[in-house]
Amino acid sequence: MWSKLGIFSLLAGFFIGVFSGISNFMGSDNFWVNLTLSDLIGDFSDSLVEAVPVQAVQDGLSFIVFDLHFGWLLAGLSLIFFLISTVVKEH
């Protein structure tokens, strides 16, 4: 199950990266070019980052939510899923 989630998130990150690359190359300013997590969750993103009282964690969360492209986020998530699948044994 974890490896399937890893494969699906890797494929989704790849396709989002390809679509944003094509859109950026063509010079069109559409949804895919600067897609971040804050674009998807909207106004909830500010309260999500400020919910944690530690400044170092807030800096990391603000980078993930506001600056990191969504395709790279999915690629990193797939890496985490693949690492989990190596240690979790399914029967």
PDB file of N, CA and C in Angstrom:
ATOM      1  N   MET A   1       0.817  -1.183   0.000  1.00  0.00           N
ATOM      2  CA  MET A   1       0.000   0.000   0.000  1.00  0.00           C
ATOM      3  C   MET A   1       0.867   1.256   0.000  1.00  0.00           C
ATOM      4  N   TRP A   2       1.919   1.280   0.824  1.00  0.00           N
ATOM      5  CA  TRP A   2       2.766   2.473   0.903  1.00  0.00           C
ATOM      6  C   TRP A   2       3.520   2.695  -0.401  1.00  0.00           C
ATOM      7  N   SER A   3       3.951   1.610  -1.019  1.00  0.00           N
ATOM      8  CA  SER A   3       4.666   1.769  -2.286  1.00  0.00           C
ATOM      9  C   SER A   3       3.723   2.235  -3.394  1.00  0.00           C
ATOM     10  N   LYS A   4       2.474   1.809  -3.360  1.00  0.00           N
ATOM     11  CA  LYS A   4       1.502   2.301  -4.338  1.00  0.00           C
ATOM     12  C   LYS A   4       1.247   3.788  -4.149  1.00  0.00           C
ATOM     13  N   LEU A   5       1.142   4.223  -2.901  1.00  0.00           N
ATOM     14  CA  LEU A   5       0.987   5.656  -2.643  1.00  0.00           C
ATOM     15  C   LEU A   5       2.203   6.426  -3.126  1.00  0.00           C
ATOM     16  N   GLY A   6       3.380   5.848  -2.948  1.00  0.00           N
ATOM     17  CA  GLY A   6       4.603   6.477  -3.422  1.00  0.00           C
ATOM     18  C   GLY A   6       4.637   6.599  -4.933  1.00  0.00           C
ATOM     19  N   ILE A   7       4.209   5.544  -5.617  1.00  0.00           N
ATOM     20  CA  ILE A   7       4.188   5.573  -7.080  1.00  0.00           C
ATOM     21  C   ILE A   7       3.175   6.588  -7.585  1.00  0.00           C
ATOM     22  N   PHE A   8       1.974   6.612  -6.982  1.00  0.00           N
ATOM     23  CA  PHE A   8       0.947   7.557  -7.419  1.00  0.00           C
ATOM     24  C   PHE A   8       1.365   9.002  -7.163  1.00  0.00           C
ATOM     25  N   SER A   9       1.968   9.277  -6.009  1.00  0.00           N
ATOM     26  CA  SER A   9       2.379  10.655  -5.738  1.00  0.00           C
ATOM     27  C   SER A   9       3.574  11.052  -6.600  1.00  0.00           C
ATOM     28  N   LEU A  10       4.450  10.104  -6.929  1.00  0.00           N
ATOM     29  CA  LEU A  10       5.561  10.401  -7.829  1.00  0.00           C
ATOM     30  C   LEU A  10       5.052  10.712  -9.236  1.00  0.00           C
ATOM     31  N   LEU A  11       4.089   9.935  -9.718  1.00  0.00           N
ATOM     32  CA  LEU A  11       3.505  10.202 -11.032  1.00  0.00           C
ATOM     33  C   LEU A  11       2.764  11.536 -11.057  1.00  0.00           C
ATOM     34  N   ALA A  12       2.015  11.833  -9.994  1.00  0.00           N
ATOM     35  CA  ALA A  12       1.295  13.099  -9.938  1.00  0.00           C
ATOM     36  C   ALA A  12       2.273  14.272  -9.904  1.00  0.00           C
ATOM     37  N   GLY A  13       3.341  14.146  -9.128  1.00  0.00           N
ATOM     38  CA  GLY A  13       4.351  15.192  -9.091  1.00  0.00           C
ATOM     39  C   GLY A  13       5.034  15.372 -10.430  1.00  0.00           C
ATOM     40  N   PHE A  14       5.289  14.266 -11.144  1.00  0.00           N
ATOM     41  CA  PHE A  14       5.901  14.338 -12.461  1.00  0.00           C
ATOM     42  C   PHE A  14       4.989  15.056 -13.449  1.00  0.00           C
ATOM     43  N   PHE A  15       3.706  14.689 -13.481  1.00  0.00           N
ATOM     44  CA  PHE A  15       2.792  15.314 -14.418  1.00  0.00           C
ATOM     45  C   PHE A  15       2.562  16.794 -14.093  1.00  0.00           C
ATOM     46  N   ILE A  16       2.466  17.129 -12.829  1.00  0.00           N
ATOM     47  CA  ILE A  16       2.316  18.532 -12.465  1.00  0.00           C
ATOM     48  C   ILE A  16       3.572  19.306 -12.849  1.00  0.00           C
ATOM     49  N   GLY A  17       4.743  18.710 -12.650  1.00  0.00           N
ATOM     50  CA  GLY A  17       5.988  19.349 -13.050  1.00  0.00           C
ATOM     51  C   GLY A  17       6.082  19.540 -14.556  1.00  0.00           C
ATOM     52  N   VAL A  18       5.653  18.546 -15.325  1.00  0.00           N
ATOM     53  CA  VAL A  18       5.677  18.660 -16.783  1.00  0.00           C
ATOM     54  C   VAL A  18       4.711  19.741 -17.255  1.00  0.00           C
ATOM     55  N   PHE A  19       3.488  19.750 -16.714  1.00  0.00           N
ATOM     56  CA  PHE A  19       2.517  20.766 -17.121  1.00  0.00           C
ATOM     57  C   PHE A  19       2.973  22.173 -16.756  1.00  0.00           C
ATOM     58  N   SER A  20       3.567  22.335 -15.573  1.00  0.00           N
ATOM     59  CA  SER A  20       4.043  23.664 -15.189  1.00  0.00           C
ATOM     60  C   SER A  20       5.250  24.064 -16.019  1.00  0.00           C
ATOM     61  N   GLY A  21       6.107  23.097 -16.378  1.00  0.00           N
ATOM     62  CA  GLY A  21       7.244  23.415 -17.236  1.00  0.00           C
ATOM     63  C   GLY A  21       6.816  23.844 -18.630  1.00  0.00           C
ATOM     64  N   ILE A  22       5.843  23.152 -19.199  1.00  0.00           N
ATOM     65  CA  ILE A  22       5.330  23.527 -20.519  1.00  0.00           C
ATOM     66  C   ILE A  22       4.667  24.893 -20.463  1.00  0.00           C
ATOM     67  N   SER A  23       3.881  25.138 -19.424  1.00  0.00           N
ATOM     68  CA  SER A  23       3.213  26.436 -19.300  1.00  0.00           C
ATOM     69  C   SER A  23       4.215  27.561 -19.088  1.00  0.00           C
ATOM     70  N   ASN A  24       5.250  27.298 -18.301  1.00  0.00           N
ATOM     71  CA  ASN A  24       6.275  28.308 -18.077  1.00  0.00           C
ATOM     72  C   ASN A  24       7.071  28.567 -19.353  1.00  0.00           C
ATOM     73  N   PHE A  25       7.376  27.524 -20.115  1.00  0.00           N
ATOM     74  CA  PHE A  25       8.111  27.662 -21.368  1.00  0.00           C
ATOM     75  C   PHE A  25       7.310  28.453 -22.392  1.00  0.00           C
ATOM     76  N   MET A  26       6.005  28.229 -22.426  1.00  0.00           N
ATOM     77  CA  MET A  26       5.153  28.945 -23.377  1.00  0.00           C
ATOM     78  C   MET A  26       4.877  30.370 -22.936  1.00  0.00           C
ATOM     79  N   GLY A  27       5.203  30.701 -21.703  1.00  0.00           N
ATOM     80  CA  GLY A  27       4.998  32.063 -21.211  1.00  0.00           C
ATOM     81  C   GLY A  27       3.580  32.344 -20.771  1.00  0.00           C
ATOM     82  N   SER A  28       2.768  31.333 -20.632  1.00  0.00           N
ATOM     83  CA  SER A  28       1.392  31.550 -20.184  1.00  0.00           C
ATOM     84  C   SER A  28       1.345  31.545 -18.661  1.00  0.00           C
ATOM     85  N   ASP A  29       0.554  32.428 -18.134  1.00  0.00           N
ATOM     86  CA  ASP A  29       0.424  32.545 -16.680  1.00  0.00           C
ATOM     87  C   ASP A  29      -0.894  31.891 -16.273  1.00  0.00           C
ATOM     88  N   ASN A  30      -0.839  30.594 -16.033  1.00  0.00           N
ATOM     89  CA  ASN A  30      -2.049  29.877 -15.644  1.00  0.00           C
ATOM     90  C   ASN A  30      -1.854  29.215 -14.288  1.00  0.00           C
ATOM     91  N   PHE A  31      -2.758  28.334 -13.941  1.00  0.00           N
ATOM     92  CA  PHE A  31      -2.798  27.700 -12.626  1.00  0.00           C
ATOM     93  C   PHE A  31      -1.571  26.858 -12.333  1.00  0.00           C
ATOM     94  N   TRP A  32      -0.965  26.233 -13.340  1.00  0.00           N
ATOM     95  CA  TRP A  32       0.102  25.269 -13.135  1.00  0.00           C
ATOM     96  C   TRP A  32       1.460  25.908 -12.889  1.00  0.00           C
ATOM     97  N   VAL A  33       1.677  27.148 -13.328  1.00  0.00           N
ATOM     98  CA  VAL A  33       3.017  27.724 -13.323  1.00  0.00           C
ATOM     99  C   VAL A  33       3.566  27.892 -11.912  1.00  0.00           C
ATOM    100  N   ASN A  34       2.839  28.523 -11.043  1.00  0.00           N
ATOM    101  CA  ASN A  34       3.302  28.768  -9.673  1.00  0.00           C
ATOM    102  C   ASN A  34       2.411  28.076  -8.655  1.00  0.00           C
ATOM    103  N   LEU A  35       2.105  26.822  -8.890  1.00  0.00           N
ATOM    104  CA  LEU A  35       1.207  26.076  -8.013  1.00  0.00           C
ATOM    105  C   LEU A  35       1.916  25.697  -6.717  1.00  0.00           C
ATOM    106  N   THR A  36       1.408  26.190  -5.601  1.00  0.00           N
ATOM    107  CA  THR A  36       1.932  25.841  -4.286  1.00  0.00           C
ATOM    108  C   THR A  36       0.789  25.292  -3.443  1.00  0.00           C
ATOM    109  N   LEU A  37       1.129  24.814  -2.273  1.00  0.00           N
ATOM    110  CA  LEU A  37       0.112  24.277  -1.373  1.00  0.00           C
ATOM    111  C   LEU A  37      -0.841  25.377  -0.904  1.00  0.00           C
ATOM    112  N   SER A  38      -0.348  26.595  -0.754  1.00  0.00           N
ATOM    113  CA  SER A  38      -1.218  27.694  -0.322  1.00  0.00           C
ATOM    114  C   SER A  38      -2.253  28.042  -1.383  1.00  0.00           C
ATOM    115  N   ASP A  39      -1.949  27.801  -2.664  1.00  0.00           N
ATOM    116  CA  ASP A  39      -2.948  28.014  -3.710  1.00  0.00           C
ATOM    117  C   ASP A  39      -4.083  27.015  -3.608  1.00  0.00           C
ATOM    118  N   LEU A  40      -3.779  25.821  -3.135  1.00  0.00           N
ATOM    119  CA  LEU A  40      -4.803  24.784  -3.044  1.00  0.00           C
ATOM    120  C   LEU A  40      -5.670  24.901  -1.794  1.00  0.00           C
ATOM    121  N   ILE A  41      -5.058  25.267  -0.653  1.00  0.00           N
ATOM    122  CA  ILE A  41      -5.843  25.297   0.581  1.00  0.00           C
ATOM    123  C   ILE A  41      -6.351  26.689   0.933  1.00  0.00           C
ATOM    124  N   GLY A  42      -5.887  27.718   0.246  1.00  0.00           N
ATOM    125  CA  GLY A  42      -6.442  29.057   0.391  1.00  0.00           C
ATOM    126  C   GLY A  42      -6.076  29.753   1.690  1.00  0.00           C
ATOM    127  N   ASP A  43      -7.078  30.374   2.335  1.00  0.00           N
ATOM    128  CA  ASP A  43      -6.851  31.187   3.530  1.00  0.00           C
ATOM    129  C   ASP A  43      -6.461  30.360   4.750  1.00  0.00           C
ATOM    130  N   PHE A  44      -6.688  29.087   4.711  1.00  0.00           N
ATOM    131  CA  PHE A  44      -6.337  28.202   5.819  1.00  0.00           C
ATOM    132  C   PHE A  44      -4.827  28.083   5.994  1.00  0.00           C
ATOM    133  N   SER A  45      -4.064  28.428   4.969  1.00  0.00           N
ATOM    134  CA  SER A  45      -2.613  28.253   5.013  1.00  0.00           C
ATOM    135  C   SER A  45      -1.946  29.141   6.063  1.00  0.00           C
ATOM    136  N   ASP A  46      -2.428  30.367   6.244  1.00  0.00           N
ATOM    137  CA  ASP A  46      -1.849  31.237   7.270  1.00  0.00           C
ATOM    138  C   ASP A  46      -2.060  30.687   8.669  1.00  0.00           C
ATOM    139  N   SER A  47      -3.267  30.221   8.948  1.00  0.00           N
ATOM    140  CA  SER A  47      -3.534  29.673  10.273  1.00  0.00           C
ATOM    141  C   SER A  47      -2.823  28.348  10.491  1.00  0.00           C
ATOM    142  N   LEU A  48      -2.545  27.602   9.421  1.00  0.00           N
ATOM    143  CA  LEU A  48      -1.804  26.351   9.532  1.00  0.00           C
ATOM    144  C   LEU A  48      -0.367  26.603   9.965  1.00  0.00           C
ATOM    145  N   VAL A  49       0.263  27.604   9.379  1.00  0.00           N
ATOM    146  CA  VAL A  49       1.650  27.917   9.726  1.00  0.00           C
ATOM    147  C   VAL A  49       1.736  28.517  11.123  1.00  0.00           C
ATOM    148  N   GLU A  50       0.804  29.372  11.485  1.00  0.00           N
ATOM    149  CA  GLU A  50       0.846  30.041  12.784  1.00  0.00           C
ATOM    150  C   GLU A  50       0.345  29.178  13.933  1.00  0.00           C
ATOM    151  N   ALA A  51      -0.159  27.991  13.657  1.00  0.00           N
ATOM    152  CA  ALA A  51      -0.663  27.112  14.716  1.00  0.00           C
ATOM    153  C   ALA A  51       0.468  26.538  15.553  1.00  0.00           C
ATOM    154  N   VAL A  52       1.657  26.440  14.986  1.00  0.00           N
ATOM    155  CA  VAL A  52       2.813  25.892  15.697  1.00  0.00           C
ATOM    156  C   VAL A  52       3.570  27.046  16.342  1.00  0.00           C
ATOM    157  N   PRO A  53       3.831  26.999  17.650  1.00  0.00           N
ATOM    158  CA  PRO A  53       4.454  28.138  18.323  1.00  0.00           C
ATOM    159  C   PRO A  53       5.969  28.240  18.141  1.00  0.00           C
ATOM    160  N   VAL A  54       6.639  27.239  17.614  1.00  0.00           N
ATOM    161  CA  VAL A  54       8.097  27.251  17.490  1.00  0.00           C
ATOM    162  C   VAL A  54       8.485  27.927  16.173  1.00  0.00           C
ATOM    163  N   GLN A  55       9.377  28.921  16.238  1.00  0.00           N
ATOM    164  CA  GLN A  55       9.728  29.710  15.069  1.00  0.00           C
ATOM    165  C   GLN A  55      10.445  28.884  13.998  1.00  0.00           C
ATOM    166  N   ALA A  56      11.313  27.970  14.396  1.00  0.00           N
ATOM    167  CA  ALA A  56      12.039  27.153  13.416  1.00  0.00           C
ATOM    168  C   ALA A  56      11.082  26.271  12.620  1.00  0.00           C
ATOM    169  N   VAL A  57      10.082  25.729  13.284  1.00  0.00           N
ATOM    170  CA  VAL A  57       9.092  24.905  12.597  1.00  0.00           C
ATOM    171  C   VAL A  57       8.214  25.776  11.705  1.00  0.00           C
ATOM    172  N   GLN A  58       7.888  26.988  12.152  1.00  0.00           N
ATOM    173  CA  GLN A  58       7.102  27.911  11.343  1.00  0.00           C
ATOM    174  C   GLN A  58       7.841  28.290  10.065  1.00  0.00           C
ATOM    175  N   ASP A  59       9.165  28.470  10.155  1.00  0.00           N
ATOM    176  CA  ASP A  59       9.941  28.794   8.965  1.00  0.00           C
ATOM    177  C   ASP A  59       9.909  27.651   7.961  1.00  0.00           C
ATOM    178  N   GLY A  60      10.059  26.426   8.443  1.00  0.00           N
ATOM    179  CA  GLY A  60       9.986  25.266   7.563  1.00  0.00           C
ATOM    180  C   GLY A  60       8.611  25.092   6.946  1.00  0.00           C
ATOM    181  N   LEU A  61       7.580  25.257   7.763  1.00  0.00           N
ATOM    182  CA  LEU A  61       6.212  25.131   7.245  1.00  0.00           C
ATOM    183  C   LEU A  61       5.887  26.235   6.248  1.00  0.00           C
ATOM    184  N   SER A  62       6.347  27.450   6.506  1.00  0.00           N
ATOM    185  CA  SER A  62       6.063  28.529   5.563  1.00  0.00           C
ATOM    186  C   SER A  62       6.765  28.292   4.234  1.00  0.00           C
ATOM    187  N   PHE A  63       7.974  27.690   4.265  1.00  0.00           N
ATOM    188  CA  PHE A  63       8.630  27.343   3.006  1.00  0.00           C
ATOM    189  C   PHE A  63       7.836  26.280   2.262  1.00  0.00           C
ATOM    190  N   ILE A  64       7.372  25.254   2.972  1.00  0.00           N
ATOM    191  CA  ILE A  64       6.623  24.173   2.328  1.00  0.00           C
ATOM    192  C   ILE A  64       5.285  24.676   1.798  1.00  0.00           C
ATOM    193  N   VAL A  65       4.596  25.504   2.569  1.00  0.00           N
ATOM    194  CA  VAL A  65       3.252  25.935   2.185  1.00  0.00           C
ATOM    195  C   VAL A  65       3.282  27.035   1.131  1.00  0.00           C
ATOM    196  N   PHE A  66       4.179  28.005   1.256  1.00  0.00           N
ATOM    197  CA  PHE A  66       4.124  29.188   0.398  1.00  0.00           C
ATOM    198  C   PHE A  66       5.135  29.184  -0.753  1.00  0.00           C
ATOM    199  N   ASP A  67       6.287  28.553  -0.611  1.00  0.00           N
ATOM    200  CA  ASP A  67       7.343  28.687  -1.612  1.00  0.00           C
ATOM    201  C   ASP A  67       7.579  27.438  -2.446  1.00  0.00           C
ATOM    202  N   LEU A  68       7.433  26.263  -1.879  1.00  0.00           N
ATOM    203  CA  LEU A  68       7.752  25.019  -2.572  1.00  0.00           C
ATOM    204  C   LEU A  68       6.680  24.684  -3.606  1.00  0.00           C
ATOM    205  N   HIS A  69       7.107  24.401  -4.826  1.00  0.00           N
ATOM    206  CA  HIS A  69       6.165  24.038  -5.880  1.00  0.00           C
ATOM    207  C   HIS A  69       5.487  22.710  -5.524  1.00  0.00           C
ATOM    208  N   PHE A  70       4.232  22.587  -5.879  1.00  0.00           N
ATOM    209  CA  PHE A  70       3.440  21.427  -5.486  1.00  0.00           C
ATOM    210  C   PHE A  70       3.973  20.131  -6.098  1.00  0.00           C
ATOM    211  N   GLY A  71       4.548  20.199  -7.274  1.00  0.00           N
ATOM    212  CA  GLY A  71       5.141  19.000  -7.881  1.00  0.00           C
ATOM    213  C   GLY A  71       6.315  18.486  -7.075  1.00  0.00           C
ATOM    214  N   TRP A  72       7.161  19.391  -6.578  1.00  0.00           N
ATOM    215  CA  TRP A  72       8.284  18.980  -5.725  1.00  0.00           C
ATOM    216  C   TRP A  72       7.790  18.445  -4.386  1.00  0.00           C
ATOM    217  N   LEU A  73       6.698  19.014  -3.876  1.00  0.00           N
ATOM    218  CA  LEU A  73       6.118  18.510  -2.632  1.00  0.00           C
ATOM    219  C   LEU A  73       5.640  17.077  -2.801  1.00  0.00           C
ATOM    220  N   LEU A  74       4.989  16.791  -3.919  1.00  0.00           N
ATOM    221  CA  LEU A  74       4.531  15.422  -4.175  1.00  0.00           C
ATOM    222  C   LEU A  74       5.701  14.472  -4.387  1.00  0.00           C
ATOM    223  N   ALA A  75       6.764  14.941  -5.022  1.00  0.00           N
ATOM    224  CA  ALA A  75       7.944  14.097  -5.211  1.00  0.00           C
ATOM    225  C   ALA A  75       8.595  13.767  -3.869  1.00  0.00           C
ATOM    226  N   GLY A  76       8.679  14.741  -2.973  1.00  0.00           N
ATOM    227  CA  GLY A  76       9.211  14.487  -1.633  1.00  0.00           C
ATOM    228  C   GLY A  76       8.319  13.569  -0.827  1.00  0.00           C
ATOM    229  N   LEU A  77       7.023  13.729  -0.986  1.00  0.00           N
ATOM    230  CA  LEU A  77       6.074  12.856  -0.300  1.00  0.00           C
ATOM    231  C   LEU A  77       6.198  11.417  -0.803  1.00  0.00           C
ATOM    232  N   SER A  78       6.440  11.257  -2.094  1.00  0.00           N
ATOM    233  CA  SER A  78       6.622   9.903  -2.620  1.00  0.00           C
ATOM    234  C   SER A  78       7.885   9.267  -2.071  1.00  0.00           C
ATOM    235  N   LEU A  79       8.927  10.048  -1.860  1.00  0.00           N
ATOM    236  CA  LEU A  79      10.147   9.518  -1.252  1.00  0.00           C
ATOM    237  C   LEU A  79       9.879   9.039   0.170  1.00  0.00           C
ATOM    238  N   ILE A  80       9.098   9.800   0.916  1.00  0.00           N
ATOM    239  CA  ILE A  80       8.735   9.397   2.278  1.00  0.00           C
ATOM    240  C   ILE A  80       7.914   8.109   2.252  1.00  0.00           C
ATOM    241  N   PHE A  81       6.974   8.008   1.314  1.00  0.00           N
ATOM    242  CA  PHE A  81       6.171   6.789   1.199  1.00  0.00           C
ATOM    243  C   PHE A  81       7.032   5.585   0.836  1.00  0.00           C
ATOM    244  N   PHE A  82       8.003   5.776  -0.047  1.00  0.00           N
ATOM    245  CA  PHE A  82       8.893   4.669  -0.407  1.00  0.00           C
ATOM    246  C   PHE A  82       9.744   4.241   0.777  1.00  0.00           C
ATOM    247  N   LEU A  83      10.213   5.189   1.580  1.00  0.00           N
ATOM    248  CA  LEU A  83      10.993   4.832   2.762  1.00  0.00           C
ATOM    249  C   LEU A  83      10.144   4.087   3.788  1.00  0.00           C
ATOM    250  N   ILE A  84       8.907   4.496   3.947  1.00  0.00           N
ATOM    251  CA  ILE A  84       8.001   3.788   4.863  1.00  0.00           C
ATOM    252  C   ILE A  84       7.736   2.381   4.357  1.00  0.00           C
ATOM    253  N   SER A  85       7.608   2.242   3.035  1.00  0.00           N
ATOM    254  CA  SER A  85       7.311   0.904   2.492  1.00  0.00           C
ATOM    255  C   SER A  85       8.482  -0.066   2.668  1.00  0.00           C
ATOM    256  N   THR A  86       9.697   0.438   2.854  1.00  0.00           N
ATOM    257  CA  THR A  86      10.811  -0.471   3.066  1.00  0.00           C
ATOM    258  C   THR A  86      10.826  -1.049   4.468  1.00  0.00           C
ATOM    259  N   VAL A  87      10.240  -0.363   5.432  1.00  0.00           N
ATOM    260  CA  VAL A  87      10.274  -0.860   6.808  1.00  0.00           C
ATOM    261  C   VAL A  87       8.950  -1.468   7.261  1.00  0.00           C
ATOM    262  N   VAL A  88       7.853  -1.170   6.579  1.00  0.00           N
ATOM    263  CA  VAL A  88       6.559  -1.709   6.969  1.00  0.00           C
ATOM    264  C   VAL A  88       6.306  -2.978   6.175  1.00  0.00           C
ATOM    265  N   LYS A  89       6.043  -4.044   6.884  1.00  0.00           N
ATOM    266  CA  LYS A  89       5.772  -5.333   6.255  1.00  0.00           C
ATOM    267  C   LYS A  89       4.272  -5.531   6.169  1.00  0.00           C
ATOM    268  N   GLU A  90       3.777  -5.836   4.986  1.00  0.00           N
ATOM    269  CA  GLU A  90       2.356  -6.085   4.819  1.00  0.00           C
ATOM    270  C   GLU A  90       2.126  -7.580   4.621  1.00  0.00           C
ATOM    271  N   HIS A  91       1.030  -8.063   5.180  1.00  0.00           N
ATOM    272  CA  HIS A  91       0.730  -9.493   5.076  1.00  0.00           C
ATOM    273  C   HIS A  91      -0.445  -9.706   4.176  1.00  0.00           C
TER     274      HIS A  91
END
